[in-house]
Amino acid sequence: MRKGLPKKGLSKEEIIQRLNEYCRDDADPFSGKLFTIAFEPGVEELRAVAFEVLKMFAFKNMLDFTEFPSMIRMEKDLIDIASSLVHGDEQVTGTFTFGGTESVFLAVKAARDRFILSRGMITIPEIVMPVTGHPCYDKAAEYMGLKVKRVRVDEESLTADPDAINEAITENTAMIVGSTPNWPFGTIDPIKDLAEIALDKNIWMHVDACVGGFVLPFMKKLGENIPEFDFRIEGVCSISMDPHKYAYTPIGASIVLFRKKFYKMFSQYANIRWPGYPIVNPAVLSSRSEALLAAAWAILHFLGEEGYMELAKKLVSARNKIVKGLKEIGYKIMGEPSVIAAFTSDELNLFTLCDEMAKKGWLFLPQKGIANMNIPPSVHLTITPIHDDLSDLMISDLKVCTEAVKKMPPREAEGLLEMFGTIFSMLVPGEMDLATLGKILSDMERMVNVYGERILKILGLEKGFPKEMGMIYQLLASLPPEIAELLTNYVVIEIFSRGI
């Protein structure tokens, strides 16, 4: 039975109690035990500043900057700071958004519109990028009618292969993408080489610095080997960079920068054709709270250059200790880590390893790899300054869990998952087109009706969210991506429908 509004409103105490019950299973983002999507500097005073500012601006709406001009002033400051970090000149301009995906959407829209208008005809523009590029480009393409061509990376360095990018470019290529660093392995793509290709062929070059934009410049000052990736390179048209990652601002803060002010014109939306107020949306969202913009402004000014340099030193120290420890245990490091490190092993089930570490409170991100590109399953570690104090303990626990996993026999459920993987894989032919995808969707609906509840039970999802995620990752890794995506959608819908 669905819940409705309470007849009588809850008191503040009742609300806090209920929300505490809801978040009883949440990870603690401030603990330093997360190596996932939590960016924790370990500075308590920083949080106090952020919370105070969030309260000040929570109910101010960025939709109408004529009513709240404070948003223009704060956004201008943030764009100037971001631009200075990536060596932008006076022509560089940008937009504050609520996340890296939204920033990428604006860059993709700008590249698409510029491409179509320069062609003078409607076609299907293409994005060419390494397979390590973030899925938000596929998402933007799906929303805006583009096509994504993902190409191989160098198998040793796990960075973009310029020759592979160049080979994939056609007359319909509207954008190429490089990452600094990429999310799976933390390796930095050769942006200069990619930009030369883009410049030669008059193609939009976007640099995804969502992860590294607010930390790599400081690491370079510390003497780290960070290649150039910014507006000093001719051919770079846009850069995305997230304050809510290594600028340590509250979640929901990103920036997209454009080399020329006119490039931003392609990213905005204006409508003066209806009888209401004039609409000019610099970002994807219209109404949005000013709170996250203000909090980002506050944190950047609270830490300043000296604060960010100190945090960068701790981050580098933590990374070096963790990478050294991983090698001593016997794990293989994937590529050259930056602020992210990834490791793999031929000897044990990495998905089970992550479950064992979770029992000790450490949250890692398992990665399924891509077999036909010789990219094995791996474990991703997002490293932050707080890990400098905890890295020795984490490595110690990892040694214990590694030995435990080596001694574990195969579980019965693993055989069932392998069976389901085989059944669902039979739905996918060698060649894929729209009609085939439609048939797969229809077949998948029938399969889910037959096997859905059983799969949820094996995965431990029929009664709520499981503590162990290894079986889920193992099932997804055994399936063709088309089927894995459909099955993931089904599982997530079930989780949200049941409210776990």
Protein backbone atom coordinates (compact mmCIF):
# COMPACT_ATOMS: atom_id res chain seq x y z
CA MET A 1 0.00 0.00 0.00
CA ARG A 2 1.37 3.39 -0.99
CA LYS A 3 2.01 6.05 1.63
CA GLY A 4 0.20 9.38 1.46
CA LEU A 5 0.77 12.60 3.29
CA PRO A 6 0.30 12.40 7.07
CA LYS A 7 -3.00 13.96 8.19
CA LYS A 8 -1.09 16.05 10.69
CA GLY A 9 2.38 17.35 9.99
CA LEU A 10 5.32 15.83 11.85
CA SER A 11 7.29 17.78 14.44
CA LYS A 12 10.93 18.67 13.87
CA GLU A 13 11.95 15.94 16.35
CA GLU A 14 9.78 13.34 14.61
CA ILE A 15 11.21 14.29 11.22
CA ILE A 16 14.80 13.98 12.42
CA GLN A 17 14.02 10.62 14.07
CA ARG A 18 12.38 9.28 10.89
CA LEU A 19 15.25 10.43 8.69
CA ASN A 20 17.77 8.89 11.09
CA GLU A 21 15.92 5.60 10.62
CA TYR A 22 16.04 6.00 6.84
CA CYS A 23 19.79 6.58 6.80
CA ARG A 24 20.70 3.82 9.27
CA ASP A 25 22.40 1.82 6.49
CA ASP A 26 24.15 4.78 4.83
CA ALA A 27 27.92 4.87 4.64
CA ASP A 28 29.61 7.68 6.54
CA PRO A 29 31.07 10.03 3.89
CA PHE A 30 33.39 11.63 6.47
CA SER A 31 34.91 8.40 7.81
CA GLY A 32 37.82 8.12 5.37
CA LYS A 33 36.88 4.47 4.73
CA LEU A 34 35.26 5.17 1.36
CA PHE A 35 37.34 4.82 -1.81
CA THR A 36 34.33 5.47 -4.02
CA ILE A 37 32.49 8.70 -4.78
CA ALA A 38 33.18 10.48 -1.48
CA PHE A 39 35.77 13.27 -1.64
CA GLU A 40 36.76 13.91 1.95
CA PRO A 41 39.62 16.25 2.87
CA GLY A 42 39.37 15.60 6.62
CA VAL A 43 38.85 19.29 7.49
CA GLU A 44 35.93 19.59 9.93
CA GLU A 45 35.83 23.40 9.88
CA LEU A 46 35.24 23.23 6.13
CA ARG A 47 31.93 21.42 6.70
CA ALA A 48 30.81 24.03 9.22
CA VAL A 49 31.38 26.79 6.67
CA ALA A 50 29.51 24.86 3.98
CA PHE A 51 26.48 24.12 6.19
CA GLU A 52 26.17 27.75 7.24
CA VAL A 53 26.27 29.00 3.65
CA LEU A 54 23.82 26.32 2.46
CA LYS A 55 21.27 27.68 4.94
CA MET A 56 21.82 31.26 3.73
CA PHE A 57 21.04 30.54 0.08
CA ALA A 58 18.83 27.40 0.07
CA PHE A 59 15.63 29.22 -0.98
CA LYS A 60 17.15 31.61 -3.51
CA ASN A 61 16.35 30.59 -7.09
CA MET A 62 19.01 30.82 -9.79
CA LEU A 63 16.26 30.85 -12.44
CA ASP A 64 15.87 34.63 -12.17
CA PHE A 65 19.24 36.29 -11.73
CA THR A 66 17.55 39.71 -11.87
CA GLU A 67 15.96 38.93 -8.49
CA PHE A 68 19.10 37.33 -7.06
CA PRO A 69 22.15 39.01 -8.66
CA SER A 70 24.35 37.39 -6.00
CA MET A 71 24.38 34.30 -8.21
CA ILE A 72 25.96 36.25 -11.07
CA ARG A 73 28.69 37.59 -8.80
CA MET A 74 29.48 34.20 -7.29
CA GLU A 75 29.39 32.37 -10.61
CA LYS A 76 31.72 34.99 -12.14
CA ASP A 77 34.20 34.41 -9.31
CA LEU A 78 34.06 30.62 -9.73
CA ILE A 79 34.49 30.81 -13.50
CA ASP A 80 37.48 33.13 -13.05
CA ILE A 81 39.10 30.75 -10.52
CA ALA A 82 38.51 27.69 -12.69
CA SER A 83 39.78 29.49 -15.78
CA SER A 84 42.96 30.59 -13.99
CA LEU A 85 43.68 26.98 -12.99
CA VAL A 86 43.51 25.83 -16.62
CA HIS A 87 45.24 28.90 -18.14
CA GLY A 88 42.23 30.47 -19.80
CA ASP A 89 42.51 33.93 -21.33
CA GLU A 90 39.96 36.77 -21.25
CA GLN A 91 37.86 35.08 -23.94
CA VAL A 92 37.27 31.97 -21.85
CA THR A 93 33.84 31.89 -20.26
CA GLY A 94 31.74 29.24 -18.59
CA THR A 95 28.70 28.04 -16.66
CA PHE A 96 28.15 26.66 -13.17
CA THR A 97 26.16 23.41 -13.25
CA PHE A 98 24.98 20.84 -10.72
CA GLY A 99 27.30 18.04 -11.82
CA GLY A 100 29.81 16.78 -14.33
CA THR A 101 27.11 15.15 -16.44
CA GLU A 102 25.28 18.45 -16.81
CA SER A 103 28.54 20.19 -17.77
CA VAL A 104 29.17 17.49 -20.38
CA PHE A 105 25.62 17.89 -21.71
CA LEU A 106 26.31 21.59 -22.34
CA ALA A 107 29.62 20.87 -24.06
CA VAL A 108 28.02 18.16 -26.24
CA LYS A 109 25.13 20.46 -27.14
CA ALA A 110 27.55 23.22 -28.12
CA ALA A 111 29.63 20.85 -30.26
CA ARG A 112 26.54 19.35 -31.87
CA ASP A 113 24.92 22.68 -32.74
CA ARG A 114 28.16 24.14 -34.08
CA PHE A 115 28.67 21.03 -36.20
CA ILE A 116 25.14 20.95 -37.64
CA LEU A 117 25.05 24.68 -38.34
CA SER A 118 28.45 24.55 -40.04
CA ARG A 119 27.26 21.64 -42.19
CA GLY A 120 24.00 23.38 -43.05
CA MET A 121 22.10 20.09 -42.88
CA ILE A 122 20.64 17.66 -40.38
CA THR A 123 22.73 14.56 -39.82
CA ILE A 124 23.65 12.30 -36.90
CA PRO A 125 26.77 13.79 -35.33
CA GLU A 126 29.30 11.46 -33.72
CA ILE A 127 31.41 11.61 -30.58
CA VAL A 128 34.71 9.70 -30.80
CA MET A 129 36.29 8.83 -27.47
CA PRO A 130 38.37 6.19 -25.67
CA VAL A 131 36.46 3.31 -24.09
CA THR A 132 37.57 4.70 -20.70
CA GLY A 133 35.54 7.90 -21.22
CA HIS A 134 32.65 8.45 -18.82
CA PRO A 135 29.18 7.11 -19.77
CA CYS A 136 27.72 10.60 -19.41
CA TYR A 137 28.73 11.16 -23.06
CA ASP A 138 26.59 8.19 -24.09
CA LYS A 139 23.80 9.63 -21.96
CA ALA A 140 24.13 13.05 -23.59
CA ALA A 141 24.16 11.39 -27.01
CA GLU A 142 21.03 9.41 -26.20
CA TYR A 143 19.22 12.55 -25.04
CA MET A 144 20.36 14.74 -27.94
CA GLY A 145 20.45 12.41 -30.93
CA LEU A 146 24.17 11.77 -31.39
CA LYS A 147 26.16 8.58 -31.83
CA VAL A 148 29.14 7.55 -29.68
CA LYS A 149 32.09 5.59 -31.05
CA ARG A 150 34.23 4.16 -28.25
CA VAL A 151 37.68 2.98 -29.31
CA ARG A 152 40.47 0.94 -27.77
CA VAL A 153 43.05 2.38 -25.40
CA ASP A 154 46.71 1.55 -25.13
CA GLU A 155 46.70 -1.79 -23.28
CA GLU A 156 49.77 -0.98 -21.19
CA SER A 157 49.18 2.65 -20.21
CA LEU A 158 45.37 2.52 -20.37
CA THR A 159 45.36 5.99 -21.93
CA ALA A 160 43.71 7.10 -25.15
CA ASP A 161 45.33 5.84 -28.34
CA PRO A 162 45.53 8.82 -30.73
CA ASP A 163 45.85 6.51 -33.75
CA ALA A 164 42.66 4.67 -32.77
CA ILE A 165 40.85 7.98 -32.29
CA ASN A 166 42.09 9.24 -35.67
CA GLU A 167 41.00 6.05 -37.44
CA ALA A 168 37.49 6.31 -36.00
CA ILE A 169 36.90 9.88 -37.18
CA THR A 170 34.53 10.36 -40.12
CA GLU A 171 32.89 13.31 -41.83
CA ASN A 172 30.15 13.06 -39.16
CA THR A 173 32.49 13.44 -36.18
CA ALA A 174 31.43 16.48 -34.16
CA MET A 175 33.52 15.98 -31.01
CA ILE A 176 36.45 14.03 -29.62
CA VAL A 177 37.02 13.59 -25.89
CA GLY A 178 40.02 13.04 -23.65
CA SER A 179 40.05 12.60 -19.85
CA THR A 180 42.37 14.04 -17.20
CA PRO A 181 42.20 11.57 -15.62
CA ASN A 182 39.69 8.93 -16.66
CA TRP A 183 37.49 7.49 -13.91
CA PRO A 184 38.19 3.73 -14.17
CA PHE A 185 42.00 3.83 -13.82
CA GLY A 186 43.02 7.41 -13.07
CA THR A 187 45.27 7.60 -16.14
CA ILE A 188 45.68 10.87 -18.05
CA ASP A 189 44.98 10.87 -21.78
CA PRO A 190 47.47 12.53 -24.19
CA ILE A 191 45.42 15.68 -24.64
CA LYS A 192 48.01 17.46 -26.77
CA ASP A 193 48.04 14.63 -29.34
CA LEU A 194 44.25 14.48 -29.43
CA ALA A 195 43.97 18.26 -29.77
CA GLU A 196 46.32 18.23 -32.76
CA ILE A 197 43.99 15.77 -34.49
CA ALA A 198 40.98 17.93 -33.62
CA LEU A 199 42.66 21.09 -34.84
CA ASP A 200 43.77 19.47 -38.09
CA LYS A 201 40.25 18.22 -38.84
CA ASN A 202 38.33 21.19 -37.38
CA ILE A 203 36.59 19.06 -34.75
CA TRP A 204 35.48 20.14 -31.28
CA MET A 205 37.91 18.88 -28.62
CA HIS A 206 36.54 18.50 -25.11
CA VAL A 207 38.73 17.82 -22.09
CA ASP A 208 36.98 15.95 -19.30
CA ALA A 209 38.78 17.29 -16.24
CA CYS A 210 35.79 16.66 -13.98
CA VAL A 211 38.04 14.58 -11.71
CA GLY A 212 41.35 16.37 -12.05
CA GLY A 213 40.58 20.00 -12.83
CA PHE A 214 40.82 21.24 -9.26
CA VAL A 215 43.74 19.07 -8.14
CA LEU A 216 46.14 18.32 -11.01
CA PRO A 217 47.34 21.97 -11.22
CA PHE A 218 48.38 21.80 -7.55
CA MET A 219 49.99 18.38 -7.98
CA LYS A 220 52.00 19.76 -10.90
CA LYS A 221 53.32 22.53 -8.63
CA LEU A 222 54.42 19.80 -6.21
CA GLY A 223 56.57 18.29 -8.95
CA GLU A 224 54.22 15.52 -10.08
CA ASN A 225 54.52 14.45 -13.72
CA ILE A 226 51.26 15.98 -14.97
CA PRO A 227 51.15 16.57 -18.76
CA GLU A 228 49.53 19.72 -20.12
CA PHE A 229 45.79 19.33 -20.65
CA ASP A 230 44.28 22.80 -20.67
CA PHE A 231 43.72 25.94 -22.77
CA ARG A 232 47.45 26.35 -23.36
CA ILE A 233 46.93 23.65 -25.98
CA GLU A 234 45.56 25.02 -29.21
CA GLY A 235 42.58 22.96 -30.28
CA VAL A 236 41.00 22.51 -26.84
CA CYS A 237 37.49 23.97 -27.16
CA SER A 238 35.95 23.19 -23.78
CA ILE A 239 36.87 21.79 -20.36
CA SER A 240 34.62 20.40 -17.62
CA MET A 241 35.81 20.36 -14.00
CA ASP A 242 33.96 19.57 -10.76
CA PRO A 243 34.40 21.53 -7.52
CA HIS A 244 32.46 18.79 -5.72
CA LYS A 245 35.33 16.39 -6.32
CA TYR A 246 38.81 17.66 -5.45
CA ALA A 247 37.75 21.18 -4.50
CA TYR A 248 35.81 19.39 -1.70
CA THR A 249 32.57 21.38 -2.04
CA PRO A 250 29.13 19.85 -1.28
CA ILE A 251 27.84 17.48 -3.96
CA GLY A 252 26.18 19.24 -6.86
CA ALA A 253 28.83 21.60 -8.22
CA SER A 254 30.51 21.55 -11.62
CA ILE A 255 31.84 24.03 -14.18
CA VAL A 256 32.10 23.91 -17.95
CA LEU A 257 34.48 26.35 -19.63
CA PHE A 258 34.44 27.40 -23.29
CA ARG A 259 37.46 28.78 -25.15
CA LYS A 260 35.35 31.49 -26.82
CA LYS A 261 32.36 33.39 -25.54
CA PHE A 262 30.49 32.56 -28.75
CA TYR A 263 30.95 28.84 -28.07
CA LYS A 264 28.82 29.29 -24.95
CA MET A 265 26.02 30.63 -27.18
CA PHE A 266 25.62 27.12 -28.59
CA SER A 267 25.21 25.68 -25.08
CA GLN A 268 22.49 28.02 -23.79
CA TYR A 269 18.73 27.88 -24.31
CA ALA A 270 16.61 30.99 -24.91
CA ASN A 271 12.89 31.31 -25.60
CA ILE A 272 11.07 34.61 -26.18
CA ARG A 273 8.25 33.01 -28.21
CA TRP A 274 5.67 32.44 -25.49
CA PRO A 275 3.54 35.03 -23.67
CA GLY A 276 5.36 34.62 -20.35
CA TYR A 277 8.67 35.88 -19.01
CA PRO A 278 11.78 35.78 -21.24
CA ILE A 279 13.66 32.50 -20.72
CA VAL A 280 17.44 32.32 -20.92
CA ASN A 281 18.87 29.13 -19.41
CA PRO A 282 22.67 28.92 -19.27
CA ALA A 283 22.36 25.41 -17.79
CA VAL A 284 20.11 22.40 -18.37
CA LEU A 285 18.00 23.04 -15.27
CA SER A 286 15.83 26.14 -14.91
CA SER A 287 14.82 26.49 -11.26
CA ARG A 288 17.71 25.51 -9.01
CA SER A 289 18.79 26.51 -5.54
CA GLU A 290 21.62 28.99 -5.16
CA ALA A 291 22.84 27.05 -2.11
CA LEU A 292 25.31 24.75 -3.87
CA LEU A 293 26.79 27.59 -5.91
CA ALA A 294 27.28 29.62 -2.72
CA ALA A 295 28.79 26.65 -0.86
CA ALA A 296 31.26 26.07 -3.70
CA TRP A 297 32.23 29.75 -3.62
CA ALA A 298 32.67 29.59 0.16
CA ILE A 299 34.86 26.46 0.20
CA LEU A 300 37.17 27.67 -2.57
CA HIS A 301 37.72 30.93 -0.73
CA PHE A 302 37.99 29.21 2.66
CA LEU A 303 40.83 26.91 1.54
CA GLY A 304 42.61 29.24 -0.87
CA GLU A 305 45.74 28.25 -2.78
CA GLU A 306 47.71 27.35 0.36
CA GLY A 307 44.92 25.09 1.61
CA TYR A 308 44.67 23.25 -1.69
CA MET A 309 48.43 22.80 -1.86
CA GLU A 310 48.45 21.21 1.61
CA LEU A 311 45.62 18.86 0.69
CA ALA A 312 47.37 17.95 -2.57
CA LYS A 313 50.49 16.98 -0.57
CA LYS A 314 48.41 14.66 1.62
CA LEU A 315 46.70 13.15 -1.39
CA VAL A 316 50.00 12.40 -3.15
CA SER A 317 51.38 10.89 0.06
CA ALA A 318 48.30 8.69 0.47
CA ARG A 319 48.43 7.55 -3.15
CA ASN A 320 52.11 6.62 -2.92
CA LYS A 321 51.60 4.60 0.27
CA ILE A 322 48.55 2.81 -1.14
CA VAL A 323 50.19 1.96 -4.48
CA LYS A 324 53.29 0.67 -2.66
CA GLY A 325 51.13 -1.47 -0.38
CA LEU A 326 49.12 -2.91 -3.28
CA LYS A 327 52.30 -3.95 -5.07
CA GLU A 328 53.70 -5.57 -1.93
CA ILE A 329 50.55 -7.68 -1.56
CA GLY A 330 50.95 -8.81 -5.17
CA TYR A 331 48.35 -6.80 -7.02
CA LYS A 332 48.99 -5.35 -10.48
CA ILE A 333 48.50 -1.58 -10.79
CA MET A 334 46.51 -0.51 -13.85
CA GLY A 335 48.42 2.17 -15.74
CA GLU A 336 49.95 5.20 -14.01
CA PRO A 337 47.71 6.33 -11.11
CA SER A 338 47.03 10.02 -10.50
CA VAL A 339 44.38 10.73 -7.86
CA ILE A 340 42.70 7.42 -8.68
CA ALA A 341 44.41 4.04 -8.54
CA ALA A 342 43.08 0.73 -9.87
CA PHE A 343 44.44 -2.76 -9.35
CA THR A 344 43.77 -6.23 -10.72
CA SER A 345 44.66 -9.85 -9.99
CA ASP A 346 44.74 -13.14 -11.89
CA GLU A 347 44.44 -15.17 -8.69
CA LEU A 348 41.24 -14.22 -6.90
CA ASN A 349 37.67 -12.97 -7.30
CA LEU A 350 37.92 -9.20 -6.94
CA PHE A 351 34.16 -8.84 -6.49
CA THR A 352 34.30 -11.10 -3.43
CA LEU A 353 37.36 -9.19 -2.19
CA CYS A 354 35.34 -5.96 -2.20
CA ASP A 355 32.62 -7.67 -0.15
CA GLU A 356 35.19 -8.85 2.39
CA MET A 357 36.67 -5.36 2.69
CA ALA A 358 33.16 -3.94 3.13
CA LYS A 359 32.73 -6.16 6.19
CA LYS A 360 35.66 -4.25 7.70
CA GLY A 361 34.07 -0.94 6.73
CA TRP A 362 36.16 -0.21 3.61
CA LEU A 363 34.12 0.57 0.49
CA PHE A 364 35.83 -0.09 -2.85
CA LEU A 365 34.43 0.13 -6.40
CA PRO A 366 34.60 -3.14 -8.39
CA GLN A 367 34.99 -2.82 -12.18
CA LYS A 368 34.00 -5.55 -14.61
CA GLY A 369 36.56 -4.81 -17.35
CA ILE A 370 36.11 -5.50 -21.08
CA ALA A 371 37.38 -8.91 -22.13
CA ASN A 372 37.55 -8.26 -25.88
CA MET A 373 39.75 -5.22 -25.27
CA ASN A 374 42.05 -7.09 -22.87
CA ILE A 375 40.90 -4.99 -19.92
CA PRO A 376 40.50 -7.36 -16.94
CA PRO A 377 38.19 -6.90 -13.94
CA SER A 378 39.72 -4.50 -11.44
CA VAL A 379 39.13 -2.50 -8.28
CA HIS A 380 38.92 1.30 -8.39
CA LEU A 381 40.16 3.45 -5.50
CA THR A 382 39.32 7.15 -5.34
CA ILE A 383 42.06 8.53 -3.09
CA THR A 384 41.51 11.65 -0.98
CA PRO A 385 43.62 13.54 1.60
CA ILE A 386 41.98 11.83 4.60
CA HIS A 387 43.41 8.51 3.36
CA ASP A 388 46.91 9.71 4.25
CA ASP A 389 46.12 8.91 7.89
CA LEU A 390 44.29 5.65 7.16
CA SER A 391 46.23 4.05 4.30
CA ASP A 392 48.37 1.81 6.53
CA LEU A 393 45.28 0.40 8.26
CA MET A 394 43.53 -0.14 4.93
CA ILE A 395 46.51 -2.02 3.47
CA SER A 396 46.74 -4.14 6.61
CA ASP A 397 43.07 -5.12 6.32
CA LEU A 398 43.48 -5.75 2.59
CA LYS A 399 46.26 -8.28 3.29
CA VAL A 400 43.95 -10.19 5.63
CA CYS A 401 41.01 -10.12 3.21
CA THR A 402 43.20 -11.15 0.28
CA GLU A 403 44.31 -14.30 2.08
CA ALA A 404 40.74 -15.04 3.14
CA VAL A 405 39.38 -14.78 -0.41
CA LYS A 406 42.14 -17.02 -1.76
CA LYS A 407 40.91 -19.81 0.54
CA MET A 408 37.20 -19.46 -0.28
CA PRO A 409 35.54 -22.27 -2.30
CA PRO A 410 33.15 -21.33 -5.13
CA ARG A 411 29.62 -20.58 -3.91
CA GLU A 412 26.53 -22.42 -5.18
CA ALA A 413 24.93 -19.15 -6.23
CA GLU A 414 27.85 -18.44 -8.56
CA GLY A 415 26.86 -21.47 -10.63
CA LEU A 416 23.26 -20.25 -10.82
CA LEU A 417 24.43 -16.83 -11.94
CA GLU A 418 26.57 -18.42 -14.62
CA MET A 419 23.49 -20.32 -15.82
CA PHE A 420 21.41 -17.15 -15.97
CA GLY A 421 24.26 -15.41 -17.78
CA THR A 422 24.22 -18.13 -20.43
CA ILE A 423 20.41 -17.97 -20.78
CA PHE A 424 20.30 -14.21 -21.18
CA SER A 425 23.36 -14.13 -23.46
CA MET A 426 21.47 -16.28 -25.96
CA LEU A 427 19.16 -13.31 -26.56
CA VAL A 428 21.96 -11.29 -28.18
CA PRO A 429 23.02 -12.02 -31.79
CA GLY A 430 26.35 -11.04 -33.29
CA GLU A 431 25.02 -7.98 -35.12
CA MET A 432 22.91 -5.30 -33.45
CA ASP A 433 20.37 -2.97 -35.09
CA LEU A 434 17.21 -1.18 -33.98
CA ALA A 435 14.88 -4.06 -34.86
CA THR A 436 17.12 -6.53 -33.03
CA LEU A 437 17.24 -4.31 -29.95
CA GLY A 438 13.44 -4.14 -29.97
CA LYS A 439 13.22 -7.93 -30.10
CA ILE A 440 15.76 -8.23 -27.25
CA LEU A 441 13.62 -5.89 -25.14
CA SER A 442 10.53 -8.00 -25.82
CA ASP A 443 12.38 -11.26 -25.06
CA MET A 444 13.90 -9.70 -21.95
CA GLU A 445 10.44 -8.77 -20.65
CA ARG A 446 9.36 -12.41 -20.93
CA MET A 447 12.58 -13.63 -19.28
CA VAL A 448 12.19 -11.22 -16.38
CA ASN A 449 8.62 -12.38 -15.82
CA VAL A 450 9.89 -15.96 -15.58
CA TYR A 451 13.21 -15.52 -13.77
CA GLY A 452 13.03 -12.02 -12.25
CA GLU A 453 12.07 -12.91 -8.69
CA ARG A 454 14.51 -15.81 -8.62
CA ILE A 455 17.36 -13.56 -9.75
CA LEU A 456 16.44 -10.98 -7.11
CA LYS A 457 16.48 -13.72 -4.46
CA ILE A 458 19.88 -15.06 -5.52
CA LEU A 459 21.26 -11.53 -5.46
CA GLY A 460 19.77 -10.96 -2.02
CA LEU A 461 17.48 -8.18 -3.23
CA GLU A 462 14.04 -9.63 -2.58
CA LYS A 463 13.98 -8.35 1.03
CA GLY A 464 16.06 -5.22 0.67
CA PHE A 465 19.45 -3.96 -0.37
CA PRO A 466 22.18 -6.59 0.19
CA LYS A 467 25.30 -6.03 2.25
CA GLU A 468 27.32 -8.01 -0.28
CA MET A 469 27.45 -6.68 -3.85
CA GLY A 470 29.91 -9.18 -5.34
CA MET A 471 27.23 -11.46 -6.80
CA ILE A 472 25.57 -8.52 -8.56
CA TYR A 473 28.84 -7.39 -10.13
CA GLN A 474 29.65 -10.96 -11.11
CA LEU A 475 26.31 -11.40 -12.90
CA LEU A 476 26.67 -8.12 -14.79
CA ALA A 477 30.23 -8.99 -15.78
CA SER A 478 29.07 -12.30 -17.27
CA LEU A 479 26.43 -10.72 -19.52
CA PRO A 480 26.62 -8.89 -22.85
CA PRO A 481 26.35 -5.15 -22.13
CA GLU A 482 22.97 -4.81 -23.88
CA ILE A 483 21.46 -7.43 -21.56
CA ALA A 484 23.35 -6.20 -18.49
CA GLU A 485 21.95 -2.70 -19.01
CA LEU A 486 18.38 -3.96 -19.34
CA LEU A 487 18.74 -6.21 -16.30
CA THR A 488 20.28 -3.38 -14.27
CA ASN A 489 17.34 -1.14 -15.17
CA TYR A 490 14.94 -3.87 -14.04
CA VAL A 491 16.75 -4.39 -10.72
CA VAL A 492 16.96 -0.65 -9.98
CA ILE A 493 13.25 -0.16 -10.75
CA GLU A 494 12.43 -3.01 -8.37
CA ILE A 495 14.65 -1.55 -5.64
CA PHE A 496 13.07 1.90 -5.91
CA SER A 497 9.54 0.51 -6.24
CA ARG A 498 9.97 -1.51 -3.05
CA GLY A 499 11.77 1.31 -1.25
CA ILE A 500 14.25 -1.38 -0.06
